[in-house]
Every structure is written in structure tokens, then in C-alpha cells.
C-alpha atoms as a PDB file:
ATOM      1  CA  UNK A   1      66.121 154.467  39.176  1.00  0.00           C
ATOM      2  CA  UNK A   2      62.877 155.022  41.040  1.00  0.00           C
ATOM      3  CA  UNK A   3      61.850 152.377  43.601  1.00  0.00           C
ATOM      4  CA  UNK A   4      58.836 152.140  45.887  1.00  0.00           C
ATOM      5  CA  UNK A   5      58.532 151.034  49.523  1.00  0.00           C
ATOM      6  CA  UNK A   6      54.882 149.979  50.447  1.00  0.00           C
ATOM      7  CA  UNK A   7      53.784 150.288  54.139  1.00  0.00           C
ATOM      8  CA  UNK A   8      51.578 147.319  55.022  1.00  0.00           C
ATOM      9  CA  UNK A   9      52.304 146.354  58.519  1.00  0.00           C
ATOM     10  CA  UNK A  10      48.862 147.670  60.248  1.00  0.00           C
ATOM     11  CA  UNK A  11      46.337 145.264  61.601  1.00  0.00           C
ATOM     12  CA  UNK A  12      43.444 147.124  59.647  1.00  0.00           C
ATOM     13  CA  UNK A  13      41.054 146.907  62.734  1.00  0.00           C
ATOM     14  CA  UNK A  14      38.349 149.336  61.282  1.00  0.00           C
ATOM     15  CA  UNK A  15      38.150 146.924  58.360  1.00  0.00           C
ATOM     16  CA  UNK A  16      37.316 143.864  60.634  1.00  0.00           C
ATOM     17  CA  UNK A  17      35.934 141.479  59.924  1.00  0.00           C
ATOM     18  CA  UNK A  18      37.556 141.503  56.424  1.00  0.00           C
ATOM     19  CA  UNK A  19      40.652 141.788  58.121  1.00  0.00           C
ATOM     20  CA  UNK A  20      40.455 139.075  60.749  1.00  0.00           C
ATOM     21  CA  UNK A  21      42.800 136.600  58.701  1.00  0.00           C
ATOM     22  CA  UNK A  22      44.369 139.031  56.186  1.00  0.00           C
ATOM     23  CA  UNK A  23      46.482 142.342  56.088  1.00  0.00           C
ATOM     24  CA  UNK A  24      44.728 145.442  55.052  1.00  0.00           C
ATOM     25  CA  UNK A  25      46.417 145.730  51.832  1.00  0.00           C
ATOM     26  CA  UNK A  26      45.134 142.385  50.556  1.00  0.00           C
ATOM     27  CA  UNK A  27      41.246 143.403  51.202  1.00  0.00           C
ATOM     28  CA  UNK A  28      39.836 143.557  47.533  1.00  0.00           C
ATOM     29  CA  UNK A  29      38.162 146.710  45.980  1.00  0.00           C
ATOM     30  CA  UNK A  30      35.807 145.801  42.916  1.00  0.00           C
ATOM     31  CA  UNK A  31      37.613 142.399  42.464  1.00  0.00           C
ATOM     32  CA  UNK A  32      41.313 143.114  43.060  1.00  0.00           C
ATOM     33  CA  UNK A  33      43.228 143.857  46.167  1.00  0.00           C
ATOM     34  CA  UNK A  34      44.342 147.144  47.164  1.00  0.00           C
ATOM     35  CA  UNK A  35      47.957 145.838  46.789  1.00  0.00           C
ATOM     36  CA  UNK A  36      47.237 144.411  43.236  1.00  0.00           C
ATOM     37  CA  UNK A  37      45.724 147.861  42.304  1.00  0.00           C
ATOM     38  CA  UNK A  38      48.845 149.526  43.533  1.00  0.00           C
ATOM     39  CA  UNK A  39      51.356 147.438  41.924  1.00  0.00           C
ATOM     40  CA  UNK A  40      49.809 147.567  38.685  1.00  0.00           C
ATOM     41  CA  UNK A  41      50.072 151.492  38.744  1.00  0.00           C
ATOM     42  CA  UNK A  42      53.738 151.565  39.696  1.00  0.00           C
ATOM     43  CA  UNK A  43      54.446 148.971  37.030  1.00  0.00           C
ATOM     44  CA  UNK A  44      52.408 151.153  34.394  1.00  0.00           C
ATOM     45  CA  UNK A  45      54.979 153.761  35.392  1.00  0.00           C
ATOM     46  CA  UNK A  46      57.830 151.769  34.844  1.00  0.00           C
ATOM     47  CA  UNK A  47      58.548 151.044  38.547  1.00  0.00           C
ATOM     48  CA  UNK A  48      59.699 147.297  39.221  1.00  0.00           C
ATOM     49  CA  UNK A  49      61.937 147.815  42.282  1.00  0.00           C
ATOM     50  CA  UNK A  50      59.149 147.237  44.909  1.00  0.00           C
ATOM     51  CA  UNK A  51      59.536 146.417  48.393  1.00  0.00           C
ATOM     52  CA  UNK A  52      56.791 145.869  51.155  1.00  0.00           C
ATOM     53  CA  UNK A  53      57.080 146.551  54.957  1.00  0.00           C
ATOM     54  CA  UNK A  54      55.066 144.183  56.667  1.00  0.00           C
ATOM     55  CA  UNK A  55      53.772 142.906  59.851  1.00  0.00           C
ATOM     56  CA  UNK A  56      50.300 141.714  60.556  1.00  0.00           C
ATOM     57  CA  UNK A  57      49.713 138.459  58.522  1.00  0.00           C
ATOM     58  CA  UNK A  58      53.121 138.898  56.958  1.00  0.00           C
ATOM     59  CA  UNK A  59      53.130 135.443  55.443  1.00  0.00           C
ATOM     60  CA  UNK A  60      50.426 136.139  52.947  1.00  0.00           C
ATOM     61  CA  UNK A  61      52.127 139.144  51.693  1.00  0.00           C
ATOM     62  CA  UNK A  62      55.634 136.999  51.426  1.00  0.00           C
ATOM     63  CA  UNK A  63      53.639 134.304  49.750  1.00  0.00           C
ATOM     64  CA  UNK A  64      53.144 136.630  46.676  1.00  0.00           C
ATOM     65  CA  UNK A  65      56.895 136.660  46.164  1.00  0.00           C
ATOM     66  CA  UNK A  66      57.345 140.232  46.884  1.00  0.00           C
ATOM     67  CA  UNK A  67      60.633 141.474  48.637  1.00  0.00           C
ATOM     68  CA  UNK A  68      59.755 142.256  52.080  1.00  0.00           C
ATOM     69  CA  UNK A  69      60.864 143.525  55.546  1.00  0.00           C
ATOM     70  CA  UNK A  70      59.074 142.747  58.740  1.00  0.00           C
ATOM     71  CA  UNK A  71      58.210 145.033  61.518  1.00  0.00           C
ATOM     72  CA  UNK A  72      58.245 142.500  64.658  1.00  0.00           C
ATOM     73  CA  UNK A  73      56.471 144.993  66.966  1.00  0.00           C
ATOM     74  CA  UNK A  74      53.723 146.098  64.427  1.00  0.00           C
ATOM     75  CA  UNK A  75      51.086 145.394  67.009  1.00  0.00           C
ATOM     76  CA  UNK A  76      52.564 148.182  69.261  1.00  0.00           C
ATOM     77  CA  UNK A  77      54.571 150.676  66.981  1.00  0.00           C
ATOM     78  CA  UNK A  78      53.033 152.924  64.236  1.00  0.00           C
ATOM     79  CA  UNK A  79      53.868 153.729  60.469  1.00  0.00           C
ATOM     80  CA  UNK A  80      57.122 155.319  61.050  1.00  0.00           C
ATOM     81  CA  UNK A  81      58.679 152.257  62.885  1.00  0.00           C
ATOM     82  CA  UNK A  82      57.479 150.252  60.043  1.00  0.00           C
ATOM     83  CA  UNK A  83      59.139 152.536  57.569  1.00  0.00           C
ATOM     84  CA  UNK A  84      62.693 152.222  59.005  1.00  0.00           C
ATOM     85  CA  UNK A  85      62.536 148.427  59.393  1.00  0.00           C
ATOM     86  CA  UNK A  86      63.177 148.714  55.688  1.00  0.00           C
ATOM     87  CA  UNK A  87      66.238 150.418  56.476  1.00  0.00           C
ATOM     88  CA  UNK A  88      68.201 148.541  53.935  1.00  0.00           C
ATOM     89  CA  UNK A  89      66.052 148.983  51.114  1.00  0.00           C
ATOM     90  CA  UNK A  90      65.800 152.996  51.873  1.00  0.00           C
ATOM     91  CA  UNK A  91      69.614 153.031  51.693  1.00  0.00           C
ATOM     92  CA  UNK A  92      69.657 151.783  47.907  1.00  0.00           C
ATOM     93  CA  UNK A  93      70.342 154.069  45.188  1.00  0.00           C
ATOM     94  CA  UNK A  94      67.326 156.089  43.185  1.00  0.00           C
ATOM     95  CA  UNK A  95      64.585 158.134  44.262  1.00  0.00           C
ATOM     96  CA  UNK A  96      62.411 156.703  47.019  1.00  0.00           C
ATOM     97  CA  UNK A  97      58.665 156.393  46.704  1.00  0.00           C
ATOM     98  CA  UNK A  98      56.961 155.580  49.909  1.00  0.00           C
ATOM     99  CA  UNK A  99      53.196 154.768  49.800  1.00  0.00           C
ATOM    100  CA  UNK A 100      50.577 153.689  52.564  1.00  0.00           C
ATOM    101  CA  UNK A 101      49.315 150.205  51.847  1.00  0.00           C
ATOM    102  CA  UNK A 102      45.620 151.070  52.173  1.00  0.00           C
ATOM    103  CA  UNK A 103      45.532 153.561  49.336  1.00  0.00           C
ATOM    104  CA  UNK A 104      45.053 153.336  45.504  1.00  0.00           C
ATOM    105  CA  UNK A 105      45.848 155.940  43.039  1.00  0.00           C
ATOM    106  CA  UNK A 106      45.553 156.676  39.231  1.00  0.00           C
ATOM    107  CA  UNK A 107      48.819 156.604  37.155  1.00  0.00           C
ATOM    108  CA  UNK A 108      48.379 160.590  36.346  1.00  0.00           C
ATOM    109  CA  UNK A 109      48.739 161.218  40.108  1.00  0.00           C
ATOM    110  CA  UNK A 110      51.606 159.077  40.423  1.00  0.00           C
ATOM    111  CA  UNK A 111      53.357 160.535  37.326  1.00  0.00           C
ATOM    112  CA  UNK A 112      53.001 164.110  38.770  1.00  0.00           C
ATOM    113  CA  UNK A 113      54.605 163.187  41.878  1.00  0.00           C
ATOM    114  CA  UNK A 114      57.573 161.458  39.988  1.00  0.00           C
ATOM    115  CA  UNK A 115      57.891 164.573  37.909  1.00  0.00           C
ATOM    116  CA  UNK A 116      58.472 166.696  41.128  1.00  0.00           C
ATOM    117  CA  UNK A 117      62.291 167.074  41.715  1.00  0.00           C
ATOM    118  CA  UNK A 118      62.158 168.565  45.075  1.00  0.00           C
ATOM    119  CA  UNK A 119      63.914 166.868  47.874  1.00  0.00           C
ATOM    120  CA  UNK A 120      60.434 165.788  49.426  1.00  0.00           C
ATOM    121  CA  UNK A 121      57.384 165.503  47.450  1.00  0.00           C
ATOM    122  CA  UNK A 122      54.024 164.844  48.673  1.00  0.00           C
ATOM    123  CA  UNK A 123      50.940 164.107  46.690  1.00  0.00           C
ATOM    124  CA  UNK A 124      48.105 166.584  48.149  1.00  0.00           C
ATOM    125  CA  UNK A 125      44.413 166.322  47.025  1.00  0.00           C
ATOM    126  CA  UNK A 126      43.361 169.983  46.433  1.00  0.00           C
ATOM    127  CA  UNK A 127      39.551 168.461  45.945  1.00  0.00           C
ATOM    128  CA  UNK A 128      39.685 166.664  49.235  1.00  0.00           C
ATOM    129  CA  UNK A 129      36.428 167.748  50.311  1.00  0.00           C
ATOM    130  CA  UNK A 130      34.578 166.146  47.646  1.00  0.00           C
ATOM    131  CA  UNK A 131      36.230 162.636  48.860  1.00  0.00           C
ATOM    132  CA  UNK A 132      35.594 163.275  52.593  1.00  0.00           C
ATOM    133  CA  UNK A 133      31.953 164.171  52.016  1.00  0.00           C
ATOM    134  CA  UNK A 134      31.277 160.697  50.665  1.00  0.00           C
ATOM    135  CA  UNK A 135      32.743 159.334  53.641  1.00  0.00           C
ATOM    136  CA  UNK A 136      31.682 161.321  56.519  1.00  0.00           C
ATOM    137  CA  UNK A 137      28.819 163.706  57.400  1.00  0.00           C
ATOM    138  CA  UNK A 138      31.126 166.396  58.551  1.00  0.00           C
ATOM    139  CA  UNK A 139      34.325 166.126  56.508  1.00  0.00           C
ATOM    140  CA  UNK A 140      35.893 168.267  59.257  1.00  0.00           C
ATOM    141  CA  UNK A 141      35.743 165.801  61.687  1.00  0.00           C
ATOM    142  CA  UNK A 142      38.445 163.495  60.041  1.00  0.00           C
ATOM    143  CA  UNK A 143      40.272 166.113  58.098  1.00  0.00           C
ATOM    144  CA  UNK A 144      43.907 167.456  59.014  1.00  0.00           C
ATOM    145  CA  UNK A 145      45.486 170.717  58.604  1.00  0.00           C
ATOM    146  CA  UNK A 146      47.429 171.477  55.353  1.00  0.00           C
ATOM    147  CA  UNK A 147      48.991 174.924  55.052  1.00  0.00           C
ATOM    148  CA  UNK A 148      51.463 175.766  52.067  1.00  0.00           C
ATOM    149  CA  UNK A 149      53.426 178.753  51.694  1.00  0.00           C
ATOM    150  CA  UNK A 150      53.266 180.994  48.312  1.00  0.00           C
ATOM    151  CA  UNK A 151      55.665 178.823  46.510  1.00  0.00           C
ATOM    152  CA  UNK A 152      53.701 175.497  47.062  1.00  0.00           C
ATOM    153  CA  UNK A 153      55.695 173.995  49.914  1.00  0.00           C
ATOM    154  CA  UNK A 154      53.928 172.587  52.830  1.00  0.00           C
ATOM    155  CA  UNK A 155      54.579 174.244  56.174  1.00  0.00           C
ATOM    156  CA  UNK A 156      52.261 172.758  58.395  1.00  0.00           C
ATOM    157  CA  UNK A 157      50.302 169.255  58.302  1.00  0.00           C
ATOM    158  CA  UNK A 158      48.621 166.647  60.257  1.00  0.00           C
ATOM    159  CA  UNK A 159      47.303 168.781  63.050  1.00  0.00           C
ATOM    160  CA  UNK A 160      43.369 168.996  64.163  1.00  0.00           C
ATOM    161  CA  UNK A 161      41.851 171.880  62.500  1.00  0.00           C
ATOM    162  CA  UNK A 162      39.229 173.988  63.884  1.00  0.00           C
ATOM    163  CA  UNK A 163      37.928 175.267  60.657  1.00  0.00           C
ATOM    164  CA  UNK A 164      38.604 174.875  56.821  1.00  0.00           C
ATOM    165  CA  UNK A 165      40.883 177.813  56.649  1.00  0.00           C
ATOM    166  CA  UNK A 166      43.952 175.728  57.461  1.00  0.00           C
ATOM    167  CA  UNK A 167      43.016 172.857  55.141  1.00  0.00           C
ATOM    168  CA  UNK A 168      44.480 173.857  51.644  1.00  0.00           C
ATOM    169  CA  UNK A 169      44.358 170.146  50.718  1.00  0.00           C
ATOM    170  CA  UNK A 170      44.725 166.654  52.111  1.00  0.00           C
ATOM    171  CA  UNK A 171      47.969 164.810  52.409  1.00  0.00           C
ATOM    172  CA  UNK A 172      47.418 161.318  50.742  1.00  0.00           C
ATOM    173  CA  UNK A 173      49.850 158.994  51.927  1.00  0.00           C
ATOM    174  CA  UNK A 174      52.337 159.278  48.806  1.00  0.00           C
ATOM    175  CA  UNK A 175      55.712 160.693  49.229  1.00  0.00           C
ATOM    176  CA  UNK A 176      58.608 160.689  47.283  1.00  0.00           C
ATOM    177  CA  UNK A 177      62.328 161.261  48.659  1.00  0.00           C
ATOM    178  CA  UNK A 178      64.940 162.535  46.097  1.00  0.00           C
ATOM    179  CA  UNK A 179      67.809 160.097  45.662  1.00  0.00           C
ATOM    180  CA  UNK A 180      70.625 162.367  47.178  1.00  0.00           C
ATOM    181  CA  UNK A 181      68.503 162.935  50.227  1.00  0.00           C
ATOM    182  CA  UNK A 182      67.839 159.411  51.435  1.00  0.00           C
ATOM    183  CA  UNK A 183      70.985 159.152  53.469  1.00  0.00           C
ATOM    184  CA  UNK A 184      70.021 162.518  55.426  1.00  0.00           C
ATOM    185  CA  UNK A 185      66.489 161.175  55.601  1.00  0.00           C
ATOM    186  CA  UNK A 186      67.862 158.181  57.657  1.00  0.00           C
ATOM    187  CA  UNK A 187      70.137 160.262  59.655  1.00  0.00           C
ATOM    188  CA  UNK A 188      67.282 162.622  60.668  1.00  0.00           C
ATOM    189  CA  UNK A 189      65.249 159.555  61.825  1.00  0.00           C
ATOM    190  CA  UNK A 190      68.196 158.351  63.981  1.00  0.00           C
ATOM    191  CA  UNK A 191      68.808 161.503  65.684  1.00  0.00           C
ATOM    192  CA  UNK A 192      65.142 162.019  66.884  1.00  0.00           C
ATOM    193  CA  UNK A 193      64.747 161.887  70.777  1.00  0.00           C
ATOM    194  CA  UNK A 194      63.342 158.708  71.590  1.00  0.00           C
ATOM    195  CA  UNK A 195      61.973 160.160  74.883  1.00  0.00           C
ATOM    196  CA  UNK A 196      59.896 162.952  73.705  1.00  0.00           C
ATOM    197  CA  UNK A 197      56.332 163.001  72.663  1.00  0.00           C
ATOM    198  CA  UNK A 198      55.333 164.081  69.185  1.00  0.00           C
ATOM    199  CA  UNK A 199      51.680 165.199  68.834  1.00  0.00           C
ATOM    200  CA  UNK A 200      50.834 163.242  72.063  1.00  0.00           C
ATOM    201  CA  UNK A 201      52.519 160.146  70.763  1.00  0.00           C
ATOM    202  CA  UNK A 202      55.737 158.441  72.114  1.00  0.00           C
ATOM    203  CA  UNK A 203      58.624 158.019  69.406  1.00  0.00           C
ATOM    204  CA  UNK A 204      57.562 154.418  68.746  1.00  0.00           C
ATOM    205  CA  UNK A 205      53.981 155.418  67.832  1.00  0.00           C
ATOM    206  CA  UNK A 206      54.779 158.833  65.909  1.00  0.00           C
ATOM    207  CA  UNK A 207      52.599 159.395  63.158  1.00  0.00           C
ATOM    208  CA  UNK A 208      53.777 159.910  59.570  1.00  0.00           C
ATOM    209  CA  UNK A 209      52.614 163.476  59.482  1.00  0.00           C
ATOM    210  CA  UNK A 210      54.356 164.129  62.820  1.00  0.00           C
ATOM    211  CA  UNK A 211      57.670 162.859  61.180  1.00  0.00           C
ATOM    212  CA  UNK A 212      57.142 165.054  58.145  1.00  0.00           C
ATOM    213  CA  UNK A 213      56.332 168.127  60.314  1.00  0.00           C
ATOM    214  CA  UNK A 214      59.835 167.260  62.011  1.00  0.00           C
ATOM    215  CA  UNK A 215      61.578 167.528  58.724  1.00  0.00           C
ATOM    216  CA  UNK A 216      59.901 170.738  57.588  1.00  0.00           C
ATOM    217  CA  UNK A 217      60.441 172.374  60.940  1.00  0.00           C
ATOM    218  CA  UNK A 218      64.163 171.299  60.605  1.00  0.00           C
ATOM    219  CA  UNK A 219      64.408 172.876  57.355  1.00  0.00           C
ATOM    220  CA  UNK A 220      63.369 170.407  54.551  1.00  0.00           C
ATOM    221  CA  UNK A 221      61.653 171.592  51.708  1.00  0.00           C
ATOM    222  CA  UNK A 222      58.280 169.464  51.165  1.00  0.00           C
ATOM    223  CA  UNK A 223      56.806 170.433  47.822  1.00  0.00           C
ATOM    224  CA  UNK A 224      52.969 169.972  47.596  1.00  0.00           C
ATOM    225  CA  UNK A 225      52.245 167.943  44.203  1.00  0.00           C
ATOM    226  CA  UNK A 226      48.630 169.057  43.918  1.00  0.00           C
ATOM    227  CA  UNK A 227      46.043 166.597  42.474  1.00  0.00           C
ATOM    228  CA  UNK A 228      42.084 166.634  42.192  1.00  0.00           C
ATOM    229  CA  UNK A 229      41.014 163.408  43.400  1.00  0.00           C
ATOM    230  CA  UNK A 230      42.135 160.242  41.316  1.00  0.00           C
ATOM    231  CA  UNK A 231      42.742 158.194  44.494  1.00  0.00           C
ATOM    232  CA  UNK A 232      41.025 156.510  47.350  1.00  0.00           C
ATOM    233  CA  UNK A 233      41.961 155.591  51.073  1.00  0.00           C
ATOM    234  CA  UNK A 234      40.320 152.291  52.263  1.00  0.00           C
ATOM    235  CA  UNK A 235      40.316 152.808  56.047  1.00  0.00           C
ATOM    236  CA  UNK A 236      36.846 151.314  56.959  1.00  0.00           C
ATOM    237  CA  UNK A 237      34.301 148.887  55.898  1.00  0.00           C
ATOM    238  CA  UNK A 238      32.032 152.051  55.494  1.00  0.00           C
ATOM    239  CA  UNK A 239      34.718 153.199  52.846  1.00  0.00           C
ATOM    240  CA  UNK A 240      34.860 149.870  51.077  1.00  0.00           C
ATOM    241  CA  UNK A 241      31.267 149.657  50.928  1.00  0.00           C
ATOM    242  CA  UNK A 242      30.496 153.233  49.715  1.00  0.00           C
ATOM    243  CA  UNK A 243      33.456 152.595  46.863  1.00  0.00           C
ATOM    244  CA  UNK A 244      32.145 149.460  45.843  1.00  0.00           C
ATOM    245  CA  UNK A 245      28.540 150.481  45.627  1.00  0.00           C
ATOM    246  CA  UNK A 246      29.604 153.607  43.452  1.00  0.00           C
ATOM    247  CA  UNK A 247      31.625 151.561  41.245  1.00  0.00           C
ATOM    248  CA  UNK A 248      28.953 149.000  40.476  1.00  0.00           C
ATOM    249  CA  UNK A 249      26.765 152.068  39.816  1.00  0.00           C
ATOM    250  CA  UNK A 250      29.396 153.695  37.414  1.00  0.00           C
ATOM    251  CA  UNK A 251      29.866 156.674  39.806  1.00  0.00           C
ATOM    252  CA  UNK A 252      33.171 156.057  41.105  1.00  0.00           C
ATOM    253  CA  UNK A 253      35.213 157.517  38.146  1.00  0.00           C
ATOM    254  CA  UNK A 254      35.139 161.075  39.370  1.00  0.00           C
ATOM    255  CA  UNK A 255      37.381 159.808  42.353  1.00  0.00           C
ATOM    256  CA  UNK A 256      39.288 156.879  41.049  1.00  0.00           C
ATOM    257  CA  UNK A 257      38.954 155.060  37.681  1.00  0.00           C
ATOM    258  CA  UNK A 258      38.873 151.442  38.303  1.00  0.00           C
ATOM    259  CA  UNK A 259      40.938 149.317  35.720  1.00  0.00           C
ATOM    260  CA  UNK A 260      39.911 145.753  35.422  1.00  0.00           C
END
């Protein structure tokens, strides 16, 4: 049985003042919160075992009646630490979807990820530049490297690119770990050197892309599940304003079809 862990501990500082008193995942996008939209898509795909890793304003997520785990150090740690605060949930049986709390995605994208039977599957947007061009004057400013081998496995991600040649897509914040690999996934995390720096960050502030790169460098096979748009990341007030305006003008469907 597939289950999902949504990472929603961050303070969402770039979405202030909207996040002054609420977690980022409870910011509304065209009438429904990001969390509501993600839950709806997961439930459409038949996934009911959903857990949320919380931190900032955890009380508001807990009040929704969802199963949660709490990262007490959310203000001074990064997403990898939030992920493994939900260790008991990760240890359960079944494939594990890991999803960032500030994204929304269409069911077709989720179904493509679910259909992949590799040990790790990463949802990768092949048409990423269309979305980044909406949000930024220069898409290269915010993009990260994403390099695949001839078989479609990711060999590099999360670095600062010097040009577009090393960007074959963009990682979207949606991951699937195959059921038989979740134990090894935990073991790998537990054996990482706590005293090293990872892409310039200490262990407790490691980026998720740095953690994924460590797995890949250790021989894990991370399959790129390629999609063409069909998702959004809401990282800033500017992002949200852009999406809201396009949605009201009927121009957002190319990137994400809003339901309800």
C-alpha cells in the first residue's frame, strides 16, 4: 500500500505576511489551501494513508485531524531533518511518497510517479523553463542542475548551473521510495557523517537535493519520471500573485489545472 509523507515544517518567510500566523501549506491558492489541493490529488489516486511532518504553527495542521510528526528544531534545521522526524511513519510497510508542502500537482503527474517501480523515483519537469520564465526574469538565476544518463537515471542534481547545458529538467519536490528500500533509506541516513558539510551546509541544514545526491553517489538508482508542467511551487508572494492572476484570467491551465 502506498502512503505519503508531506513535509510542512518550514516558516515560509518569503510568503510573509501570509505566513505570519499560519504554516506555508495552509496558504490558499485560488480558494483552497495548498494542503487541501495536495490531499485531494492524493485521495483521487487512492492514497489515504497520509502523514504530515510539521514544525511552524503545527497546531493548525494538527487541528485538521491529520496524522503528524513534529520537528521541534524546525527553526534551525532543514527539510531532511523534518523528513526523518517522521521515522515511525517511514518504517511502515508500502511504497513511500515524499512531497514538499509548498507544491501542488495534477493527478496525471502523480500517477506517472506511482507507475515507476525503480528504487527511487523523482518527478522531473522537462518543460521547467516555461514555469521558471513566469516567475523570474532570468530562469537560470534560480534553476539547479539536473543531469540524467542514457537510461533516464539522475546522476546529478541540486548544484548551481553555469549554463543551460546541465539542466535537463527540474526536480519538483515529489519523490517515491520503493517499499523494499525504506529500511535501507533509514540506514543510509543514520550512517551519514554528522560533522561534514554538504554543499556548504552542515548535516542538520542539508538540502534535500544534497541528500538525494549522496544516495546517488552511493549507488542508488534514481529514475527521472519526466512530466511536462502540471504542477506549481509556491515559494513567494510573487509566485502566488502570478498564479492567482493567471488563474482568474483562465491562463493557468498550461501549468496546472485548478479543480474547484
